[in-house]
Amino acid sequence: MRRRPPHIPQRRRIFVGCEGQSEAGYGTLIARIARELPNVHVHIDVRLLQPGAGDPRALVERAAQIIAVDEERREPYAVKAVLLDIGNAQINAAAAAGAAQHGIDYLIWQSPDHEAVLLHHLHGCQNRRPPRGASLAALRGEWPEYEKPMSALQLATRISLDQIRQACGVEADLRAFLTDLGLL
């Protein structure tokens, strides 16, 4: 009697659009962690959304363009997300409307920026809220070796799944996205 090979579930394709190199390093770190988890069957496609110049509306439009081209050649993405710094209420609303129009599932808002979100990953810093312009200094105060941007490998020296779970305690958008992927 022949043994049947074990069933390996198909990986869901996930799109993660990133405002800059720092976010791309973080997205790649999440992708690496996801690959190591036995019950998480996703392939995370991390893409840099440049040019976009930090404008949330332009970044969402650029993500939609990249997604459209990719989905013409391959199967559709199961989940689509964009990491971006929070702007003013009017710009954020326009970006959210664009995301809804283009079927982007998650806008992962970083308030006020990516370095503040990284700070929430560090022990004892989950609830720190540095003002705009001060988060890089606050992060370097806790992580002197931090250099902008950092690769996934560099980030992994301080950030593991446990630290990501800690940050998700205060980062609702990130928590919703990672819960959908099965990481939380």
N, C-alpha and C. Protein backbone atom coordinates (compact mmCIF):
# COMPACT_ATOMS: atom_id res chain seq x y z
N MET A 1 0.84 -1.18 0.00
CA MET A 1 0.00 0.00 0.00
C MET A 1 0.89 1.25 0.00
N ARG A 2 0.59 2.18 -0.90
CA ARG A 2 1.37 3.40 -1.01
C ARG A 2 0.90 4.44 -0.02
N ARG A 3 1.85 5.12 0.55
CA ARG A 3 1.51 6.21 1.47
C ARG A 3 1.21 7.46 0.66
N ARG A 4 0.20 8.14 1.08
CA ARG A 4 -0.14 9.41 0.44
C ARG A 4 0.77 10.50 1.00
N PRO A 5 1.22 11.38 0.15
CA PRO A 5 2.04 12.48 0.67
C PRO A 5 1.18 13.37 1.56
N PRO A 6 1.78 13.99 2.54
CA PRO A 6 0.99 14.86 3.41
C PRO A 6 0.42 16.03 2.62
N HIS A 7 -0.76 16.44 3.02
CA HIS A 7 -1.42 17.57 2.37
C HIS A 7 -0.76 18.86 2.84
N ILE A 8 -0.29 19.65 1.91
CA ILE A 8 0.30 20.94 2.23
C ILE A 8 -0.65 22.02 1.71
N PRO A 9 -1.25 22.77 2.62
CA PRO A 9 -2.19 23.80 2.18
C PRO A 9 -1.50 24.85 1.30
N GLN A 10 -2.23 25.34 0.33
CA GLN A 10 -1.71 26.40 -0.53
C GLN A 10 -1.54 27.67 0.28
N ARG A 11 -0.47 28.36 0.02
CA ARG A 11 -0.20 29.62 0.72
C ARG A 11 -1.06 30.74 0.12
N ARG A 12 -1.65 31.54 1.00
CA ARG A 12 -2.40 32.71 0.54
C ARG A 12 -1.41 33.81 0.19
N ARG A 13 -1.62 34.45 -0.93
CA ARG A 13 -0.77 35.57 -1.33
C ARG A 13 -1.21 36.82 -0.60
N ILE A 14 -0.23 37.49 0.01
CA ILE A 14 -0.49 38.70 0.78
C ILE A 14 0.35 39.83 0.20
N PHE A 15 -0.26 40.98 -0.03
CA PHE A 15 0.46 42.16 -0.51
C PHE A 15 0.66 43.11 0.66
N VAL A 16 1.91 43.55 0.84
CA VAL A 16 2.20 44.57 1.85
C VAL A 16 2.97 45.69 1.15
N GLY A 17 2.31 46.81 0.94
CA GLY A 17 2.94 47.98 0.35
C GLY A 17 3.58 48.82 1.44
N CYS A 18 4.79 49.31 1.18
CA CYS A 18 5.57 50.01 2.19
C CYS A 18 5.98 51.40 1.72
N GLU A 19 5.80 52.36 2.61
CA GLU A 19 6.13 53.75 2.31
C GLU A 19 7.61 53.93 2.03
N GLY A 20 8.47 53.27 2.80
CA GLY A 20 9.91 53.44 2.64
C GLY A 20 10.67 52.17 2.96
N GLN A 21 12.00 52.29 2.93
CA GLN A 21 12.86 51.13 3.19
C GLN A 21 12.69 50.60 4.61
N SER A 22 12.44 51.47 5.58
CA SER A 22 12.26 51.02 6.96
C SER A 22 11.05 50.11 7.07
N GLU A 23 9.95 50.53 6.47
CA GLU A 23 8.74 49.69 6.49
C GLU A 23 8.96 48.40 5.72
N ALA A 24 9.71 48.46 4.64
CA ALA A 24 9.99 47.25 3.86
C ALA A 24 10.79 46.25 4.68
N GLY A 25 11.74 46.72 5.45
CA GLY A 25 12.49 45.83 6.34
C GLY A 25 11.57 45.18 7.36
N TYR A 26 10.65 45.96 7.91
CA TYR A 26 9.70 45.44 8.89
C TYR A 26 8.74 44.43 8.24
N GLY A 27 8.25 44.75 7.05
CA GLY A 27 7.37 43.82 6.34
C GLY A 27 8.08 42.51 6.04
N THR A 28 9.34 42.59 5.66
CA THR A 28 10.13 41.38 5.38
C THR A 28 10.35 40.58 6.66
N LEU A 29 10.54 41.26 7.78
CA LEU A 29 10.66 40.56 9.07
C LEU A 29 9.38 39.77 9.36
N ILE A 30 8.23 40.39 9.15
CA ILE A 30 6.95 39.69 9.37
C ILE A 30 6.85 38.50 8.43
N ALA A 31 7.26 38.66 7.18
CA ALA A 31 7.22 37.56 6.22
C ALA A 31 8.10 36.40 6.68
N ARG A 32 9.28 36.69 7.19
CA ARG A 32 10.19 35.64 7.68
C ARG A 32 9.60 34.91 8.88
N ILE A 33 9.02 35.67 9.80
CA ILE A 33 8.40 35.05 10.97
C ILE A 33 7.24 34.17 10.54
N ALA A 34 6.44 34.64 9.60
CA ALA A 34 5.29 33.86 9.12
C ALA A 34 5.74 32.54 8.49
N ARG A 35 6.84 32.58 7.74
CA ARG A 35 7.35 31.35 7.10
C ARG A 35 7.77 30.30 8.13
N GLU A 36 8.20 30.76 9.30
CA GLU A 36 8.68 29.84 10.34
C GLU A 36 7.56 29.21 11.15
N LEU A 37 6.36 29.75 11.07
CA LEU A 37 5.24 29.24 11.86
C LEU A 37 4.57 28.09 11.11
N PRO A 38 4.43 26.94 11.76
CA PRO A 38 3.94 25.75 11.05
C PRO A 38 2.49 25.83 10.58
N ASN A 39 1.67 26.59 11.24
CA ASN A 39 0.25 26.63 10.87
C ASN A 39 -0.16 27.90 10.14
N VAL A 40 0.82 28.67 9.70
CA VAL A 40 0.54 29.89 8.95
C VAL A 40 0.97 29.64 7.51
N HIS A 41 0.02 29.70 6.61
CA HIS A 41 0.27 29.37 5.20
C HIS A 41 0.04 30.60 4.33
N VAL A 42 1.01 31.52 4.41
CA VAL A 42 0.94 32.74 3.63
C VAL A 42 2.26 32.99 2.92
N HIS A 43 2.18 33.69 1.82
CA HIS A 43 3.36 34.22 1.15
C HIS A 43 3.17 35.72 1.12
N ILE A 44 4.05 36.44 1.80
CA ILE A 44 3.92 37.89 1.91
C ILE A 44 4.84 38.55 0.89
N ASP A 45 4.24 39.30 -0.01
CA ASP A 45 4.95 40.02 -1.05
C ASP A 45 5.11 41.47 -0.58
N VAL A 46 6.30 41.81 -0.13
CA VAL A 46 6.59 43.15 0.39
C VAL A 46 7.07 44.02 -0.77
N ARG A 47 6.40 45.14 -0.98
CA ARG A 47 6.72 46.01 -2.11
C ARG A 47 6.92 47.45 -1.64
N LEU A 48 7.95 48.09 -2.15
CA LEU A 48 8.23 49.48 -1.88
C LEU A 48 7.36 50.33 -2.81
N LEU A 49 6.69 51.34 -2.26
CA LEU A 49 5.74 52.16 -3.02
C LEU A 49 6.35 53.50 -3.40
N GLN A 50 7.47 53.48 -4.02
CA GLN A 50 8.09 54.73 -4.43
C GLN A 50 8.02 54.85 -5.94
N PRO A 51 7.77 56.01 -6.52
CA PRO A 51 7.62 57.27 -5.80
C PRO A 51 6.25 57.38 -5.14
N GLY A 52 6.18 58.14 -4.10
CA GLY A 52 4.95 58.36 -3.37
C GLY A 52 5.12 59.53 -2.43
N ALA A 53 6.37 59.87 -2.14
CA ALA A 53 6.74 61.06 -1.37
C ALA A 53 6.03 61.19 -0.04
N GLY A 54 5.61 60.08 0.56
CA GLY A 54 5.01 60.14 1.88
C GLY A 54 3.56 60.58 1.91
N ASP A 55 2.96 60.87 0.78
CA ASP A 55 1.56 61.28 0.72
C ASP A 55 0.70 60.02 0.76
N PRO A 56 -0.10 59.83 1.82
CA PRO A 56 -0.90 58.60 1.93
C PRO A 56 -1.78 58.33 0.71
N ARG A 57 -2.36 59.36 0.12
CA ARG A 57 -3.21 59.15 -1.06
C ARG A 57 -2.39 58.61 -2.22
N ALA A 58 -1.23 59.20 -2.45
CA ALA A 58 -0.37 58.76 -3.55
C ALA A 58 0.15 57.35 -3.31
N LEU A 59 0.44 57.04 -2.06
CA LEU A 59 0.93 55.69 -1.73
C LEU A 59 -0.14 54.63 -1.98
N VAL A 60 -1.37 54.94 -1.63
CA VAL A 60 -2.48 54.01 -1.88
C VAL A 60 -2.67 53.82 -3.38
N GLU A 61 -2.61 54.92 -4.14
CA GLU A 61 -2.75 54.81 -5.61
C GLU A 61 -1.61 53.99 -6.20
N ARG A 62 -0.40 54.20 -5.72
CA ARG A 62 0.75 53.43 -6.22
C ARG A 62 0.57 51.96 -5.87
N ALA A 63 0.11 51.66 -4.66
CA ALA A 63 -0.14 50.27 -4.28
C ALA A 63 -1.18 49.64 -5.21
N ALA A 64 -2.23 50.37 -5.51
CA ALA A 64 -3.28 49.85 -6.40
C ALA A 64 -2.72 49.54 -7.79
N GLN A 65 -1.83 50.40 -8.29
CA GLN A 65 -1.20 50.15 -9.59
C GLN A 65 -0.36 48.88 -9.57
N ILE A 66 0.46 48.72 -8.55
CA ILE A 66 1.32 47.54 -8.44
C ILE A 66 0.47 46.28 -8.33
N ILE A 67 -0.57 46.33 -7.50
CA ILE A 67 -1.46 45.18 -7.31
C ILE A 67 -2.11 44.80 -8.64
N ALA A 68 -2.61 45.79 -9.38
CA ALA A 68 -3.29 45.51 -10.66
C ALA A 68 -2.35 44.81 -11.64
N VAL A 69 -1.12 45.27 -11.75
CA VAL A 69 -0.15 44.65 -12.65
C VAL A 69 0.16 43.22 -12.20
N ASP A 70 0.41 43.06 -10.90
CA ASP A 70 0.74 41.72 -10.37
C ASP A 70 -0.41 40.73 -10.57
N GLU A 71 -1.64 41.19 -10.34
CA GLU A 71 -2.78 40.29 -10.44
C GLU A 71 -3.14 39.95 -11.88
N GLU A 72 -2.65 40.72 -12.84
CA GLU A 72 -2.84 40.35 -14.25
C GLU A 72 -2.00 39.12 -14.59
N ARG A 73 -0.86 38.99 -13.95
CA ARG A 73 0.08 37.91 -14.25
C ARG A 73 -0.07 36.69 -13.35
N ARG A 74 -0.60 36.89 -12.16
CA ARG A 74 -0.70 35.79 -11.18
C ARG A 74 -2.07 35.82 -10.53
N GLU A 75 -2.29 34.86 -9.63
CA GLU A 75 -3.58 34.82 -8.94
C GLU A 75 -3.73 36.05 -8.04
N PRO A 76 -4.96 36.40 -7.73
CA PRO A 76 -5.20 37.60 -6.91
C PRO A 76 -4.61 37.45 -5.50
N TYR A 77 -4.32 38.58 -4.91
CA TYR A 77 -3.89 38.59 -3.51
C TYR A 77 -5.10 38.31 -2.63
N ALA A 78 -4.87 37.50 -1.60
CA ALA A 78 -5.95 37.20 -0.65
C ALA A 78 -6.16 38.36 0.31
N VAL A 79 -5.08 39.03 0.65
CA VAL A 79 -5.13 40.18 1.56
C VAL A 79 -4.18 41.24 1.03
N LYS A 80 -4.63 42.49 1.11
CA LYS A 80 -3.81 43.62 0.63
C LYS A 80 -3.72 44.65 1.75
N ALA A 81 -2.49 45.08 2.04
CA ALA A 81 -2.28 46.05 3.11
C ALA A 81 -1.22 47.07 2.70
N VAL A 82 -1.30 48.24 3.31
CA VAL A 82 -0.31 49.28 3.08
C VAL A 82 0.08 49.86 4.44
N LEU A 83 1.40 49.93 4.68
CA LEU A 83 1.96 50.57 5.88
C LEU A 83 2.25 52.03 5.53
N LEU A 84 1.69 52.98 6.30
CA LEU A 84 1.95 54.37 6.00
C LEU A 84 1.81 55.24 7.24
N ASP A 85 2.55 56.35 7.23
CA ASP A 85 2.50 57.29 8.35
C ASP A 85 1.17 58.03 8.31
N ILE A 86 0.67 58.29 9.49
CA ILE A 86 -0.60 58.99 9.61
C ILE A 86 -0.42 60.45 9.19
N GLY A 87 -1.43 60.97 8.50
CA GLY A 87 -1.41 62.38 8.08
C GLY A 87 -2.54 63.12 8.76
N ASN A 88 -2.99 64.20 8.15
CA ASN A 88 -4.13 64.91 8.73
C ASN A 88 -5.41 64.17 8.38
N ALA A 89 -6.48 64.51 9.06
CA ALA A 89 -7.74 63.78 8.92
C ALA A 89 -8.26 63.76 7.48
N GLN A 90 -8.14 64.87 6.78
CA GLN A 90 -8.64 64.94 5.40
C GLN A 90 -7.84 64.02 4.47
N ILE A 91 -6.53 64.04 4.60
CA ILE A 91 -5.68 63.18 3.77
C ILE A 91 -5.91 61.72 4.12
N ASN A 92 -6.03 61.42 5.40
CA ASN A 92 -6.28 60.04 5.82
C ASN A 92 -7.60 59.53 5.25
N ALA A 93 -8.63 60.37 5.28
CA ALA A 93 -9.93 59.97 4.75
C ALA A 93 -9.86 59.73 3.24
N ALA A 94 -9.10 60.56 2.54
CA ALA A 94 -8.95 60.37 1.09
C ALA A 94 -8.20 59.07 0.81
N ALA A 95 -7.18 58.78 1.60
CA ALA A 95 -6.43 57.53 1.43
C ALA A 95 -7.33 56.32 1.72
N ALA A 96 -8.15 56.42 2.76
CA ALA A 96 -9.06 55.32 3.11
C ALA A 96 -10.09 55.12 2.00
N ALA A 97 -10.59 56.19 1.41
CA ALA A 97 -11.54 56.08 0.31
C ALA A 97 -10.88 55.41 -0.90
N GLY A 98 -9.65 55.78 -1.19
CA GLY A 98 -8.92 55.15 -2.29
C GLY A 98 -8.67 53.68 -2.04
N ALA A 99 -8.33 53.35 -0.80
CA ALA A 99 -8.11 51.94 -0.45
C ALA A 99 -9.40 51.14 -0.65
N ALA A 100 -10.52 51.68 -0.20
CA ALA A 100 -11.80 50.98 -0.37
C ALA A 100 -12.13 50.82 -1.85
N GLN A 101 -11.89 51.85 -2.63
CA GLN A 101 -12.17 51.81 -4.06
C GLN A 101 -11.35 50.73 -4.77
N HIS A 102 -10.12 50.53 -4.33
CA HIS A 102 -9.21 49.59 -4.99
C HIS A 102 -9.14 48.23 -4.30
N GLY A 103 -9.97 48.01 -3.29
CA GLY A 103 -10.00 46.70 -2.64
C GLY A 103 -8.80 46.43 -1.75
N ILE A 104 -8.18 47.47 -1.22
CA ILE A 104 -7.08 47.29 -0.27
C ILE A 104 -7.71 47.10 1.10
N ASP A 105 -7.41 45.97 1.71
CA ASP A 105 -8.09 45.56 2.93
C ASP A 105 -7.67 46.33 4.17
N TYR A 106 -6.37 46.64 4.28
CA TYR A 106 -5.85 47.25 5.51
C TYR A 106 -4.94 48.43 5.20
N LEU A 107 -5.21 49.53 5.84
CA LEU A 107 -4.26 50.63 5.93
C LEU A 107 -3.71 50.55 7.35
N ILE A 108 -2.44 50.27 7.45
CA ILE A 108 -1.80 50.13 8.76
C ILE A 108 -1.15 51.47 9.06
N TRP A 109 -1.91 52.30 9.78
CA TRP A 109 -1.45 53.66 10.09
C TRP A 109 -0.39 53.63 11.17
N GLN A 110 0.69 54.34 10.93
CA GLN A 110 1.79 54.46 11.89
C GLN A 110 1.72 55.87 12.49
N SER A 111 1.48 55.94 13.77
CA SER A 111 1.27 57.24 14.41
C SER A 111 2.38 57.54 15.41
N PRO A 112 3.13 58.62 15.24
CA PRO A 112 3.10 59.50 14.08
C PRO A 112 3.93 58.98 12.90
N ASP A 113 4.78 57.97 13.17
CA ASP A 113 5.64 57.44 12.10
C ASP A 113 6.12 56.03 12.45
N HIS A 114 6.91 55.47 11.57
CA HIS A 114 7.37 54.08 11.72
C HIS A 114 8.22 53.88 12.98
N GLU A 115 9.07 54.85 13.30
CA GLU A 115 9.94 54.69 14.46
C GLU A 115 9.13 54.64 15.76
N ALA A 116 8.03 55.36 15.82
CA ALA A 116 7.16 55.29 17.01
C ALA A 116 6.55 53.90 17.14
N VAL A 117 6.19 53.29 16.01
CA VAL A 117 5.64 51.93 16.04
C VAL A 117 6.73 50.95 16.49
N LEU A 118 7.94 51.11 15.97
CA LEU A 118 9.03 50.23 16.41
C LEU A 118 9.28 50.38 17.91
N LEU A 119 9.18 51.57 18.42
CA LEU A 119 9.37 51.80 19.85
C LEU A 119 8.41 50.94 20.67
N HIS A 120 7.18 50.75 20.19
CA HIS A 120 6.19 49.96 20.92
C HIS A 120 6.56 48.48 21.02
N HIS A 121 7.53 48.05 20.23
CA HIS A 121 7.98 46.66 20.28
C HIS A 121 8.98 46.42 21.42
N LEU A 122 9.56 47.46 21.94
CA LEU A 122 10.63 47.32 22.92
C LEU A 122 10.07 47.23 24.34
N HIS A 123 10.76 46.44 25.16
CA HIS A 123 10.33 46.20 26.55
C HIS A 123 10.15 47.53 27.30
N GLY A 124 8.98 47.68 27.90
CA GLY A 124 8.68 48.85 28.70
C GLY A 124 8.29 50.08 27.89
N CYS A 125 8.19 49.96 26.58
CA CYS A 125 7.92 51.13 25.73
C CYS A 125 6.57 51.04 25.01
N GLN A 126 5.79 50.05 25.34
CA GLN A 126 4.54 49.82 24.61
C GLN A 126 3.63 51.04 24.62
N ASN A 127 3.59 51.77 25.71
CA ASN A 127 2.65 52.89 25.82
C ASN A 127 3.29 54.26 25.61
N ARG A 128 4.53 54.29 25.19
CA ARG A 128 5.18 55.59 24.94
C ARG A 128 4.64 56.20 23.67
N ARG A 129 4.39 57.50 23.70
CA ARG A 129 3.83 58.23 22.57
C ARG A 129 4.67 59.48 22.29
N PRO A 130 5.82 59.32 21.65
CA PRO A 130 6.62 60.51 21.35
C PRO A 130 5.89 61.39 20.32
N PRO A 131 6.05 62.69 20.43
CA PRO A 131 5.41 63.58 19.45
C PRO A 131 6.09 63.49 18.09
N ARG A 132 5.39 63.96 17.06
CA ARG A 132 5.96 63.98 15.70
C ARG A 132 7.32 64.67 15.74
N GLY A 133 8.30 64.03 15.12
CA GLY A 133 9.64 64.58 15.08
C GLY A 133 10.55 64.10 16.21
N ALA A 134 9.98 63.45 17.22
CA ALA A 134 10.79 63.02 18.37
C ALA A 134 10.90 61.50 18.48
N SER A 135 10.21 60.77 17.62
CA SER A 135 10.18 59.32 17.79
C SER A 135 11.52 58.65 17.46
N LEU A 136 12.26 59.16 16.48
CA LEU A 136 13.56 58.57 16.17
C LEU A 136 14.51 58.71 17.35
N ALA A 137 14.54 59.87 17.98
CA ALA A 137 15.39 60.07 19.16
C ALA A 137 14.93 59.18 20.32
N ALA A 138 13.62 59.04 20.50
CA ALA A 138 13.10 58.17 21.56
C ALA A 138 13.49 56.72 21.30
N LEU A 139 13.38 56.29 20.04
CA LEU A 139 13.75 54.91 19.69
C LEU A 139 15.25 54.68 19.92
N ARG A 140 16.07 55.63 19.49
CA ARG A 140 17.52 55.49 19.69
C ARG A 140 17.91 55.55 21.16
N GLY A 141 17.10 56.20 21.98
CA GLY A 141 17.34 56.21 23.42
C GLY A 141 17.20 54.81 24.02
N GLU A 142 16.32 54.01 23.45
CA GLU A 142 16.10 52.63 23.92
C GLU A 142 16.91 51.62 23.13
N TRP A 143 17.25 51.96 21.90
CA TRP A 143 17.94 51.05 20.99
C TRP A 143 19.04 51.85 20.29
N PRO A 144 20.17 52.09 20.98
CA PRO A 144 21.22 52.96 20.44
C PRO A 144 21.77 52.51 19.09
N GLU A 145 21.70 51.23 18.80
CA GLU A 145 22.24 50.70 17.54
C GLU A 145 21.28 50.91 16.36
N TYR A 146 20.09 51.41 16.62
CA TYR A 146 19.11 51.57 15.55
C TYR A 146 19.61 52.59 14.53
N GLU A 147 19.59 52.18 13.28
CA GLU A 147 19.91 53.06 12.16
C GLU A 147 18.77 52.96 11.16
N LYS A 148 18.45 54.08 10.57
CA LYS A 148 17.34 54.12 9.62
C LYS A 148 17.90 54.07 8.21
N PRO A 149 17.44 53.19 7.34
CA PRO A 149 16.53 52.07 7.55
C PRO A 149 17.30 50.82 8.00
N MET A 150 16.57 49.88 8.59
CA MET A 150 17.16 48.62 8.99
C MET A 150 16.54 47.49 8.19
N SER A 151 17.36 46.51 7.88
CA SER A 151 16.88 45.34 7.16
C SER A 151 16.13 44.43 8.13
N ALA A 152 15.44 43.44 7.58
CA ALA A 152 14.74 42.46 8.41
C ALA A 152 15.72 41.74 9.33
N LEU A 153 16.89 41.42 8.83
CA LEU A 153 17.90 40.73 9.63
C LEU A 153 18.34 41.60 10.81
N GLN A 154 18.54 42.88 10.57
CA GLN A 154 18.93 43.78 11.65
C GLN A 154 17.79 43.95 12.66
N LEU A 155 16.58 44.09 12.18
CA LEU A 155 15.43 44.23 13.08
C LEU A 155 15.26 42.98 13.94
N ALA A 156 15.55 41.82 13.37
CA ALA A 156 15.37 40.56 14.09
C ALA A 156 16.28 40.43 15.30
N THR A 157 17.32 41.25 15.40
CA THR A 157 18.17 41.19 16.59
C THR A 157 17.44 41.69 17.82
N ARG A 158 16.38 42.48 17.65
CA ARG A 158 15.63 43.01 18.79
C ARG A 158 14.13 42.70 18.75
N ILE A 159 13.64 42.31 17.57
CA ILE A 159 12.19 42.14 17.43
C ILE A 159 11.88 40.71 16.99
N SER A 160 11.09 40.03 17.82
CA SER A 160 10.61 38.68 17.51
C SER A 160 9.08 38.72 17.52
N LEU A 161 8.47 37.56 17.33
CA LEU A 161 7.01 37.50 17.35
C LEU A 161 6.46 37.99 18.70
N ASP A 162 7.15 37.70 19.79
CA ASP A 162 6.69 38.17 21.09
C ASP A 162 6.64 39.70 21.16
N GLN A 163 7.66 40.36 20.60
CA GLN A 163 7.67 41.82 20.62
C GLN A 163 6.60 42.38 19.67
N ILE A 164 6.36 41.69 18.57
CA ILE A 164 5.30 42.13 17.65
C ILE A 164 3.95 42.01 18.35
N ARG A 165 3.75 40.93 19.08
CA ARG A 165 2.49 40.77 19.83
C ARG A 165 2.34 41.88 20.86
N GLN A 166 3.44 42.25 21.53
CA GLN A 166 3.40 43.35 22.49
C GLN A 166 2.94 44.63 21.82
N ALA A 167 3.54 44.94 20.67
CA ALA A 167 3.18 46.17 19.95
C ALA A 167 1.72 46.14 19.52
N CYS A 168 1.22 44.98 19.18
CA CYS A 168 -0.18 44.86 18.73
C CYS A 168 -1.15 45.19 19.85
N GLY A 169 -0.68 45.21 21.08
CA GLY A 169 -1.53 45.63 22.20
C GLY A 169 -1.97 47.08 22.07
N VAL A 170 -1.17 47.90 21.36
CA VAL A 170 -1.52 49.31 21.18
C VAL A 170 -1.64 49.71 19.72
N GLU A 171 -1.25 48.84 18.81
CA GLU A 171 -1.31 49.12 17.37
C GLU A 171 -2.48 48.33 16.76
N ALA A 172 -3.67 48.90 16.80
CA ALA A 172 -4.88 48.19 16.40
C ALA A 172 -4.87 47.77 14.93
N ASP A 173 -4.38 48.64 14.04
CA ASP A 173 -4.36 48.30 12.61
C ASP A 173 -3.43 47.13 12.34
N LEU A 174 -2.27 47.15 12.96
CA LEU A 174 -1.31 46.06 12.80
C LEU A 174 -1.90 44.77 13.37
N ARG A 175 -2.55 44.87 14.52
CA ARG A 175 -3.17 43.69 15.15
C ARG A 175 -4.23 43.08 14.24
N ALA A 176 -5.09 43.90 13.65
CA ALA A 176 -6.15 43.38 12.77
C ALA A 176 -5.54 42.66 11.57
N PHE A 177 -4.52 43.25 10.97
CA PHE A 177 -3.86 42.65 9.81
C PHE A 177 -3.21 41.32 10.18
N LEU A 178 -2.43 41.29 11.25
CA LEU A 178 -1.72 40.07 11.62
C LEU A 178 -2.67 38.98 12.11
N THR A 179 -3.79 39.38 12.69
CA THR A 179 -4.82 38.40 13.09
C THR A 179 -5.40 37.75 11.84
N ASP A 180 -5.66 38.54 10.81
CA ASP A 180 -6.19 38.00 9.55
C ASP A 180 -5.20 37.00 8.95
N LEU A 181 -3.91 37.26 9.07
CA LEU A 181 -2.90 36.35 8.52
C LEU A 181 -2.72 35.10 9.36
N GLY A 182 -3.18 35.12 10.62
CA GLY A 182 -3.02 33.97 11.49
C GLY A 182 -1.77 34.04 12.37
N LEU A 183 -1.12 35.19 12.43
CA LEU A 183 0.08 35.33 13.25
C LEU A 183 -0.24 35.59 14.71
N LEU A 184 -1.45 36.04 15.00
CA LEU A 184 -1.83 36.33 16.39
C LEU A 184 -2.94 35.42 16.83
